[in-house]
């Protein structure tokens, strides 16, 4: 079995994170995609924690041998995605620009934390 072309590690209990990952039609543009819910743990999540990635502060995308974190991950996903639907197209176009993604990312993180709190969900347990 070969490694997927793209691995996305995200918060599966965050409605924004889950919907964003679903909206980006990645499989058609990159081939195999592994979606890893950070809350499930496992070797990928443990490796990222050892490397110092805080998955409460950003998703991680592995493309080839390169890791992208936070706003850089959003830029990569938006660049690789095939525009799908009005919302998907809008998000992809908005977040393809690295400056805009870096500007919006703190607001998105705050929205994630507030939403998780309102839903009574805890942050991702760190290894």
N, C-alpha and C. Protein backbone atom coordinates (compact mmCIF):
# COMPACT_ATOMS: atom_id res chain seq x y z
N UNK A 1 0.84 -1.18 0.00
CA UNK A 1 0.00 0.00 0.00
C UNK A 1 0.89 1.25 0.00
N UNK A 2 0.61 2.19 -0.85
CA UNK A 2 1.42 3.39 -0.94
C UNK A 2 0.85 4.50 -0.05
N UNK A 3 1.73 5.43 0.31
CA UNK A 3 1.29 6.58 1.11
C UNK A 3 0.36 7.44 0.28
N UNK A 4 -0.62 8.07 0.94
CA UNK A 4 -1.52 8.97 0.20
C UNK A 4 -0.73 10.18 -0.31
N UNK A 5 -1.22 10.77 -1.39
CA UNK A 5 -0.59 11.96 -1.94
C UNK A 5 -0.69 13.13 -0.98
N UNK A 6 -1.74 13.11 -0.17
CA UNK A 6 -2.00 14.21 0.75
C UNK A 6 -2.58 13.65 2.04
N UNK A 7 -2.09 14.14 3.17
CA UNK A 7 -2.66 13.76 4.47
C UNK A 7 -3.09 15.04 5.16
N UNK A 8 -4.34 15.10 5.59
CA UNK A 8 -4.88 16.26 6.28
C UNK A 8 -5.23 15.84 7.70
N UNK A 9 -4.59 16.49 8.68
CA UNK A 9 -4.87 16.22 10.09
C UNK A 9 -5.64 17.42 10.63
N UNK A 10 -6.86 17.19 11.07
CA UNK A 10 -7.76 18.27 11.45
C UNK A 10 -8.60 17.85 12.64
N UNK A 11 -9.38 18.78 13.19
CA UNK A 11 -10.26 18.51 14.33
C UNK A 11 -11.61 18.03 13.81
N UNK A 12 -11.87 16.75 13.95
CA UNK A 12 -13.10 16.17 13.45
C UNK A 12 -14.35 16.60 14.20
N UNK A 13 -14.19 17.17 15.40
CA UNK A 13 -15.36 17.63 16.16
C UNK A 13 -15.66 19.11 15.92
N UNK A 14 -14.80 19.77 15.19
CA UNK A 14 -15.04 21.18 14.85
C UNK A 14 -15.87 21.22 13.56
N UNK A 15 -17.08 21.76 13.63
CA UNK A 15 -17.91 21.77 12.42
C UNK A 15 -17.28 22.57 11.28
N UNK A 16 -16.56 23.63 11.59
CA UNK A 16 -15.93 24.43 10.53
C UNK A 16 -14.81 23.63 9.86
N UNK A 17 -13.98 22.98 10.68
CA UNK A 17 -12.86 22.20 10.15
C UNK A 17 -13.36 21.06 9.27
N UNK A 18 -14.33 20.32 9.79
CA UNK A 18 -14.87 19.17 9.05
C UNK A 18 -15.52 19.60 7.74
N UNK A 19 -16.30 20.66 7.78
CA UNK A 19 -16.95 21.14 6.56
C UNK A 19 -15.95 21.67 5.56
N UNK A 20 -14.93 22.37 6.03
CA UNK A 20 -13.91 22.91 5.12
C UNK A 20 -13.21 21.76 4.39
N UNK A 21 -12.80 20.74 5.14
CA UNK A 21 -12.11 19.61 4.52
C UNK A 21 -13.01 18.92 3.51
N UNK A 22 -14.29 18.79 3.81
CA UNK A 22 -15.24 18.16 2.87
C UNK A 22 -15.48 19.03 1.64
N UNK A 23 -15.51 20.34 1.83
CA UNK A 23 -15.80 21.23 0.71
C UNK A 23 -14.68 21.26 -0.33
N UNK A 24 -13.45 21.06 0.13
CA UNK A 24 -12.34 21.12 -0.80
C UNK A 24 -12.27 19.78 -1.55
N UNK A 25 -12.57 19.80 -2.81
CA UNK A 25 -12.58 18.58 -3.63
C UNK A 25 -11.14 18.24 -3.99
N UNK A 26 -10.44 17.58 -3.08
CA UNK A 26 -9.01 17.33 -3.24
C UNK A 26 -8.69 16.05 -4.00
N UNK A 27 -9.51 15.04 -3.84
CA UNK A 27 -9.18 13.74 -4.43
C UNK A 27 -9.06 13.82 -5.96
N UNK A 28 -9.87 14.66 -6.57
CA UNK A 28 -9.80 14.77 -8.03
C UNK A 28 -8.51 15.43 -8.48
N UNK A 29 -7.96 16.33 -7.67
CA UNK A 29 -6.78 17.06 -8.12
C UNK A 29 -5.47 16.44 -7.65
N UNK A 30 -5.45 15.71 -6.53
CA UNK A 30 -4.18 15.16 -6.04
C UNK A 30 -4.15 13.65 -5.96
N UNK A 31 -5.27 12.99 -6.13
CA UNK A 31 -5.30 11.54 -5.99
C UNK A 31 -5.72 11.14 -4.59
N UNK A 32 -4.99 10.21 -4.01
CA UNK A 32 -5.40 9.69 -2.70
C UNK A 32 -5.17 10.72 -1.60
N UNK A 33 -6.18 10.84 -0.74
CA UNK A 33 -6.15 11.79 0.36
C UNK A 33 -6.51 11.03 1.64
N UNK A 34 -5.67 11.19 2.67
CA UNK A 34 -5.97 10.60 3.97
C UNK A 34 -6.45 11.72 4.88
N UNK A 35 -7.66 11.58 5.40
CA UNK A 35 -8.20 12.53 6.36
C UNK A 35 -8.04 11.92 7.75
N UNK A 36 -7.30 12.61 8.62
CA UNK A 36 -7.00 12.10 9.95
C UNK A 36 -7.63 13.03 10.98
N UNK A 37 -8.56 12.49 11.76
CA UNK A 37 -9.16 13.25 12.85
C UNK A 37 -8.17 13.27 13.99
N UNK A 38 -7.67 14.44 14.35
CA UNK A 38 -6.65 14.56 15.40
C UNK A 38 -7.14 14.00 16.72
N UNK A 39 -8.44 13.98 16.94
CA UNK A 39 -8.99 13.47 18.20
C UNK A 39 -8.88 11.96 18.32
N UNK A 40 -8.68 11.28 17.20
CA UNK A 40 -8.54 9.83 17.23
C UNK A 40 -7.13 9.38 17.61
N UNK A 41 -6.18 10.31 17.64
CA UNK A 41 -4.81 9.96 17.98
C UNK A 41 -4.18 9.12 16.89
N UNK A 42 -3.29 8.25 17.27
CA UNK A 42 -2.63 7.37 16.32
C UNK A 42 -1.24 7.87 15.97
N UNK A 43 -0.52 7.09 15.17
CA UNK A 43 0.89 7.40 14.88
C UNK A 43 1.11 8.75 14.21
N UNK A 44 0.24 9.14 13.31
CA UNK A 44 0.41 10.43 12.62
C UNK A 44 0.29 11.57 13.61
N UNK A 45 -0.73 11.53 14.45
CA UNK A 45 -0.97 12.58 15.44
C UNK A 45 0.17 12.61 16.47
N UNK A 46 0.59 11.43 16.91
CA UNK A 46 1.69 11.36 17.87
C UNK A 46 2.98 11.92 17.29
N UNK A 47 3.25 11.62 16.03
CA UNK A 47 4.45 12.15 15.37
C UNK A 47 4.40 13.67 15.30
N UNK A 48 3.26 14.22 14.96
CA UNK A 48 3.13 15.67 14.87
C UNK A 48 3.32 16.31 16.25
N UNK A 49 2.79 15.69 17.29
CA UNK A 49 2.97 16.22 18.65
C UNK A 49 4.45 16.20 19.03
N UNK A 50 5.15 15.12 18.71
CA UNK A 50 6.60 15.04 19.00
C UNK A 50 7.37 16.14 18.27
N UNK A 51 6.90 16.48 17.09
CA UNK A 51 7.57 17.53 16.30
C UNK A 51 7.19 18.94 16.77
N UNK A 52 6.25 19.02 17.73
CA UNK A 52 5.89 20.32 18.30
C UNK A 52 4.68 20.99 17.69
N UNK A 53 3.92 20.29 16.86
CA UNK A 53 2.72 20.88 16.28
C UNK A 53 1.57 20.82 17.28
N UNK A 54 0.95 21.96 17.54
CA UNK A 54 -0.20 22.04 18.43
C UNK A 54 -1.45 22.02 17.56
N UNK A 55 -2.14 20.90 17.58
CA UNK A 55 -3.30 20.74 16.70
C UNK A 55 -4.52 21.51 17.17
N UNK A 56 -4.44 22.14 18.33
CA UNK A 56 -5.48 23.07 18.75
C UNK A 56 -5.29 24.44 18.12
N UNK A 57 -4.12 24.67 17.58
CA UNK A 57 -3.83 25.96 16.97
C UNK A 57 -3.73 25.90 15.46
N UNK A 58 -3.91 24.72 14.89
CA UNK A 58 -3.88 24.65 13.44
C UNK A 58 -3.89 23.23 12.91
N UNK A 59 -4.47 23.07 11.74
CA UNK A 59 -4.44 21.79 11.07
C UNK A 59 -3.07 21.62 10.42
N UNK A 60 -2.73 20.37 10.12
CA UNK A 60 -1.47 20.06 9.45
C UNK A 60 -1.79 19.29 8.18
N UNK A 61 -1.09 19.64 7.12
CA UNK A 61 -1.24 18.92 5.85
C UNK A 61 0.15 18.46 5.43
N UNK A 62 0.24 17.16 5.12
CA UNK A 62 1.49 16.64 4.56
C UNK A 62 1.26 16.43 3.07
N UNK A 63 2.09 17.08 2.28
CA UNK A 63 2.03 16.95 0.82
C UNK A 63 3.43 16.55 0.39
N UNK A 64 3.57 15.32 -0.08
CA UNK A 64 4.90 14.79 -0.32
C UNK A 64 5.61 14.65 1.02
N UNK A 65 6.79 15.20 1.13
CA UNK A 65 7.53 15.14 2.40
C UNK A 65 7.45 16.44 3.18
N UNK A 66 6.66 17.39 2.70
CA UNK A 66 6.58 18.71 3.33
C UNK A 66 5.33 18.81 4.19
N UNK A 67 5.51 19.38 5.39
CA UNK A 67 4.40 19.64 6.30
C UNK A 67 4.01 21.10 6.23
N UNK A 68 2.72 21.35 6.17
CA UNK A 68 2.16 22.71 6.16
C UNK A 68 1.26 22.82 7.38
N UNK A 69 1.35 23.95 8.08
CA UNK A 69 0.65 24.12 9.35
C UNK A 69 -0.15 25.42 9.35
N UNK A 70 -1.33 25.37 9.95
CA UNK A 70 -2.14 26.58 10.13
C UNK A 70 -2.50 27.24 8.81
N UNK A 71 -2.21 28.54 8.69
CA UNK A 71 -2.60 29.25 7.47
C UNK A 71 -1.92 28.70 6.22
N UNK A 72 -0.69 28.19 6.37
CA UNK A 72 0.00 27.60 5.20
C UNK A 72 -0.74 26.36 4.72
N UNK A 73 -1.31 25.59 5.65
CA UNK A 73 -2.10 24.41 5.27
C UNK A 73 -3.36 24.84 4.50
N UNK A 74 -4.02 25.91 4.97
CA UNK A 74 -5.22 26.39 4.27
C UNK A 74 -4.88 26.87 2.87
N UNK A 75 -3.76 27.58 2.73
CA UNK A 75 -3.36 28.06 1.41
C UNK A 75 -3.12 26.87 0.48
N UNK A 76 -2.39 25.86 0.97
CA UNK A 76 -2.12 24.68 0.14
C UNK A 76 -3.43 23.98 -0.26
N UNK A 77 -4.30 23.73 0.71
CA UNK A 77 -5.56 23.05 0.39
C UNK A 77 -6.39 23.85 -0.60
N UNK A 78 -6.43 25.15 -0.41
CA UNK A 78 -7.21 26.00 -1.32
C UNK A 78 -6.61 26.02 -2.72
N UNK A 79 -5.29 25.94 -2.80
CA UNK A 79 -4.61 25.93 -4.09
C UNK A 79 -4.82 24.60 -4.81
N UNK A 80 -4.81 23.51 -4.06
CA UNK A 80 -4.94 22.18 -4.65
C UNK A 80 -6.39 21.78 -4.95
N UNK A 81 -7.32 22.45 -4.32
CA UNK A 81 -8.71 22.02 -4.45
C UNK A 81 -9.30 22.41 -5.79
N UNK A 82 -10.23 21.58 -6.22
CA UNK A 82 -11.03 21.94 -7.38
C UNK A 82 -12.25 22.65 -6.84
N UNK A 83 -12.53 23.80 -7.39
CA UNK A 83 -13.66 24.58 -6.89
C UNK A 83 -14.94 23.79 -7.02
N UNK A 84 -15.62 23.64 -5.87
CA UNK A 84 -16.85 22.86 -5.85
C UNK A 84 -17.93 23.66 -5.13
N UNK A 85 -18.95 24.03 -5.85
CA UNK A 85 -20.05 24.77 -5.25
C UNK A 85 -19.67 26.21 -4.92
N UNK A 86 -20.64 26.99 -4.64
CA UNK A 86 -20.43 28.42 -4.37
C UNK A 86 -19.58 28.63 -3.13
N UNK A 87 -19.90 27.93 -2.05
CA UNK A 87 -19.15 28.10 -0.80
C UNK A 87 -17.71 27.63 -0.96
N UNK A 88 -17.53 26.46 -1.58
CA UNK A 88 -16.19 25.94 -1.80
C UNK A 88 -15.35 26.86 -2.66
N UNK A 89 -15.93 27.39 -3.73
CA UNK A 89 -15.22 28.32 -4.60
C UNK A 89 -14.84 29.59 -3.85
N UNK A 90 -15.77 30.11 -3.08
CA UNK A 90 -15.52 31.34 -2.33
C UNK A 90 -14.40 31.14 -1.33
N UNK A 91 -14.47 30.05 -0.54
CA UNK A 91 -13.41 29.78 0.44
C UNK A 91 -12.06 29.58 -0.24
N UNK A 92 -12.04 28.81 -1.30
CA UNK A 92 -10.78 28.54 -1.99
C UNK A 92 -10.16 29.82 -2.52
N UNK A 93 -10.95 30.66 -3.15
CA UNK A 93 -10.42 31.92 -3.68
C UNK A 93 -9.96 32.85 -2.57
N UNK A 94 -10.70 32.87 -1.49
CA UNK A 94 -10.37 33.74 -0.36
C UNK A 94 -9.06 33.31 0.31
N UNK A 95 -8.88 32.00 0.46
CA UNK A 95 -7.75 31.51 1.24
C UNK A 95 -6.53 31.11 0.41
N UNK A 96 -6.59 31.26 -0.89
CA UNK A 96 -5.42 30.97 -1.72
C UNK A 96 -4.33 32.02 -1.56
N UNK A 97 -4.72 33.20 -1.14
CA UNK A 97 -3.76 34.29 -0.96
C UNK A 97 -3.11 34.15 0.42
N UNK A 98 -1.78 33.91 0.50
CA UNK A 98 -1.12 33.71 1.79
C UNK A 98 -1.30 34.87 2.77
N UNK A 99 -1.25 36.10 2.29
CA UNK A 99 -1.42 37.25 3.18
C UNK A 99 -2.81 37.27 3.79
N UNK A 100 -3.80 37.01 2.96
CA UNK A 100 -5.18 37.00 3.44
C UNK A 100 -5.41 35.84 4.42
N UNK A 101 -4.84 34.67 4.10
CA UNK A 101 -4.99 33.51 4.98
C UNK A 101 -4.36 33.78 6.34
N UNK A 102 -3.17 34.40 6.36
CA UNK A 102 -2.52 34.71 7.64
C UNK A 102 -3.32 35.74 8.43
N UNK A 103 -3.95 36.65 7.75
CA UNK A 103 -4.77 37.67 8.41
C UNK A 103 -6.04 37.04 8.99
N UNK A 104 -6.68 36.14 8.25
CA UNK A 104 -7.94 35.55 8.67
C UNK A 104 -7.78 34.39 9.65
N UNK A 105 -6.63 33.74 9.65
CA UNK A 105 -6.46 32.53 10.46
C UNK A 105 -6.70 32.75 11.95
N UNK A 106 -6.18 33.81 12.57
CA UNK A 106 -6.47 34.01 14.00
C UNK A 106 -7.97 34.15 14.28
N UNK A 107 -8.70 34.78 13.38
CA UNK A 107 -10.14 34.93 13.55
C UNK A 107 -10.81 33.56 13.43
N UNK A 108 -10.33 32.75 12.50
CA UNK A 108 -10.89 31.41 12.32
C UNK A 108 -10.61 30.54 13.55
N UNK A 109 -9.41 30.65 14.13
CA UNK A 109 -9.08 29.88 15.34
C UNK A 109 -9.98 30.30 16.50
N UNK A 110 -10.19 31.60 16.63
CA UNK A 110 -11.06 32.10 17.70
C UNK A 110 -12.49 31.58 17.50
N UNK A 111 -12.97 31.60 16.27
CA UNK A 111 -14.30 31.08 15.96
C UNK A 111 -14.40 29.60 16.27
N UNK A 112 -13.36 28.84 15.98
CA UNK A 112 -13.35 27.41 16.30
C UNK A 112 -13.46 27.19 17.80
N UNK A 113 -12.62 27.90 18.56
CA UNK A 113 -12.64 27.73 20.03
C UNK A 113 -13.99 28.13 20.62
N UNK A 114 -14.56 29.22 20.13
CA UNK A 114 -15.86 29.67 20.64
C UNK A 114 -16.94 28.65 20.30
N UNK A 115 -16.92 28.13 19.09
CA UNK A 115 -17.91 27.14 18.68
C UNK A 115 -17.79 25.86 19.49
N UNK A 116 -16.56 25.39 19.70
CA UNK A 116 -16.37 24.19 20.51
C UNK A 116 -16.91 24.41 21.92
N UNK A 117 -16.64 25.59 22.49
CA UNK A 117 -17.14 25.90 23.84
C UNK A 117 -18.66 25.91 23.87
N UNK A 118 -19.28 26.56 22.88
CA UNK A 118 -20.73 26.60 22.81
C UNK A 118 -21.36 25.21 22.65
N UNK A 119 -20.65 24.33 21.96
CA UNK A 119 -21.15 22.98 21.74
C UNK A 119 -20.79 22.04 22.89
N UNK A 120 -20.05 22.56 23.88
CA UNK A 120 -19.65 21.75 25.03
C UNK A 120 -18.56 20.75 24.70
N UNK A 121 -17.75 21.05 23.70
CA UNK A 121 -16.67 20.13 23.30
C UNK A 121 -15.34 20.66 23.83
N UNK A 122 -14.49 19.74 24.23
CA UNK A 122 -13.17 20.10 24.74
C UNK A 122 -12.20 20.27 23.59
N UNK A 123 -11.05 20.89 23.89
CA UNK A 123 -9.98 20.97 22.91
C UNK A 123 -9.38 19.59 22.72
N UNK A 124 -8.57 19.45 21.69
CA UNK A 124 -7.90 18.17 21.40
C UNK A 124 -6.91 17.88 22.52
N UNK A 125 -6.94 16.67 23.04
CA UNK A 125 -5.99 16.27 24.09
C UNK A 125 -4.61 16.17 23.47
N UNK A 126 -3.64 16.79 24.09
CA UNK A 126 -2.27 16.77 23.60
C UNK A 126 -1.54 15.56 24.15
N UNK A 127 -0.76 14.90 23.28
CA UNK A 127 -0.02 13.70 23.69
C UNK A 127 1.14 14.03 24.60
